[in-house]
Protein backbone atom coordinates (compact mmCIF):
# COMPACT_ATOMS: atom_id res chain seq x y z
CA MET A 1 130.76 16.83 160.19
CA LYS A 2 133.08 19.07 162.14
CA ARG A 3 134.37 22.39 160.92
CA TYR A 4 137.91 23.61 161.42
CA GLU A 5 139.04 27.09 160.42
CA SER A 6 141.95 26.79 157.99
CA TRP A 7 142.25 30.41 156.83
CA LYS A 8 140.17 33.46 157.53
CA PHE A 9 138.24 33.10 154.25
CA ALA A 10 137.85 29.33 154.03
CA THR A 11 136.48 26.61 156.24
CA LEU A 12 138.11 23.22 156.15
CA ARG A 13 135.49 20.50 156.23
CA VAL A 14 136.70 17.05 157.08
CA ALA A 15 134.24 14.20 157.38
CA VAL A 16 135.43 11.38 159.56
CA VAL A 17 133.96 7.97 158.73
CA ARG A 18 134.26 4.60 160.46
CA GLY A 19 137.77 3.69 161.50
CA GLY A 20 138.92 7.30 161.48
CA GLU A 21 139.48 7.47 157.70
CA VAL A 22 139.30 10.94 156.18
CA ARG A 23 137.46 11.58 152.96
CA VAL A 24 140.41 12.53 150.84
CA LYS A 25 138.52 14.26 148.03
CA GLU A 26 136.81 16.74 150.36
CA ALA A 27 140.01 17.40 152.28
CA ILE A 28 141.97 18.11 149.09
CA LYS A 29 139.26 20.47 147.83
CA ALA A 30 139.30 22.30 151.15
CA LEU A 31 143.06 22.80 150.88
CA ILE A 32 143.08 23.88 147.24
CA ARG A 33 140.18 26.37 147.49
CA PRO A 34 142.07 29.01 149.54
CA ILE A 35 145.00 28.87 147.13
CA GLN A 36 142.69 29.37 144.17
CA MET A 37 141.01 32.29 145.95
CA GLN A 38 144.40 33.98 146.36
CA PHE A 39 145.16 33.49 142.66
CA LEU A 40 141.81 35.07 141.71
CA LYS A 41 142.32 37.90 144.17
CA ARG A 42 145.63 38.70 142.44
CA GLY A 43 144.02 38.45 138.98
CA MET A 44 145.81 35.27 137.94
CA CYS A 45 144.54 32.09 136.29
CA VAL A 46 144.20 29.24 138.79
CA ALA A 47 145.47 26.68 136.25
CA CYS A 48 148.42 28.27 134.44
CA GLY A 49 149.15 31.40 136.53
CA MET A 50 148.88 33.82 133.61
CA PRO A 51 147.68 37.34 134.51
CA LEU A 52 144.03 37.59 133.50
CA SER A 53 144.59 41.18 132.37
CA LYS A 54 146.32 39.68 129.28
CA ALA A 55 143.49 37.23 128.52
CA ASP A 56 140.75 37.60 125.89
CA ARG A 57 137.75 39.64 127.07
CA VAL A 58 134.17 39.85 125.85
CA SER A 59 131.62 42.28 127.30
CA ARG A 60 128.35 40.85 128.62
CA ASP A 61 124.88 42.38 128.88
CA ASP A 62 124.93 42.60 132.68
CA GLY A 63 128.00 44.87 132.73
CA THR A 64 130.52 42.14 133.50
CA GLU A 65 133.17 40.72 131.19
CA LYS A 66 133.77 37.12 130.14
CA VAL A 67 137.52 36.45 130.36
CA THR A 68 139.02 33.43 128.58
CA CYS A 69 142.56 32.41 129.51
CA LYS A 70 144.96 30.83 127.01
CA CYS A 71 144.59 27.51 128.86
CA GLY A 72 140.82 27.51 128.24
CA ARG A 73 139.53 28.41 131.70
CA ILE A 74 136.68 30.94 131.66
CA TYR A 75 136.23 33.64 134.30
CA ILE A 76 133.78 36.46 134.95
CA PHE A 77 135.26 39.89 135.74
CA ASN A 78 133.18 42.40 137.67
CA PRO A 79 134.48 45.92 136.89
CA ALA A 80 132.53 47.46 139.79
CA ASP A 81 134.63 45.76 142.46
CA GLN A 82 137.56 44.66 140.24
CA SER A 83 137.14 40.97 141.07
CA TYR A 84 137.33 37.70 139.16
CA ARG A 85 135.44 34.45 139.70
CA ARG A 86 135.13 31.17 137.84
CA ALA A 87 132.26 31.11 135.35
CA ASN A 88 129.29 28.81 135.91
CA PHE A 89 128.16 26.40 133.18
CA ASN A 90 125.17 28.60 132.31
CA GLU A 91 127.46 31.65 131.87
CA VAL A 92 129.69 29.98 129.30
């Protein structure tokens, strides 16, 4: 595997197989990830674009908040650094 820098915060990984074909799934994920990171940085849902400040919030024991968008996506908000991230399966 070779690595190519696509943006300053993401690395584009493209695996070249026999015949020069590119693994499409990995390439698409590598292109979508930076866009999703920008949405989360701006506090917007990656699916519907709604501001997460308007979404339903539930406090958690560890000091973070579980944020549920109207489209059903679940995020974790960290008030210490004012950042959002997608929730893991064990956090839902």
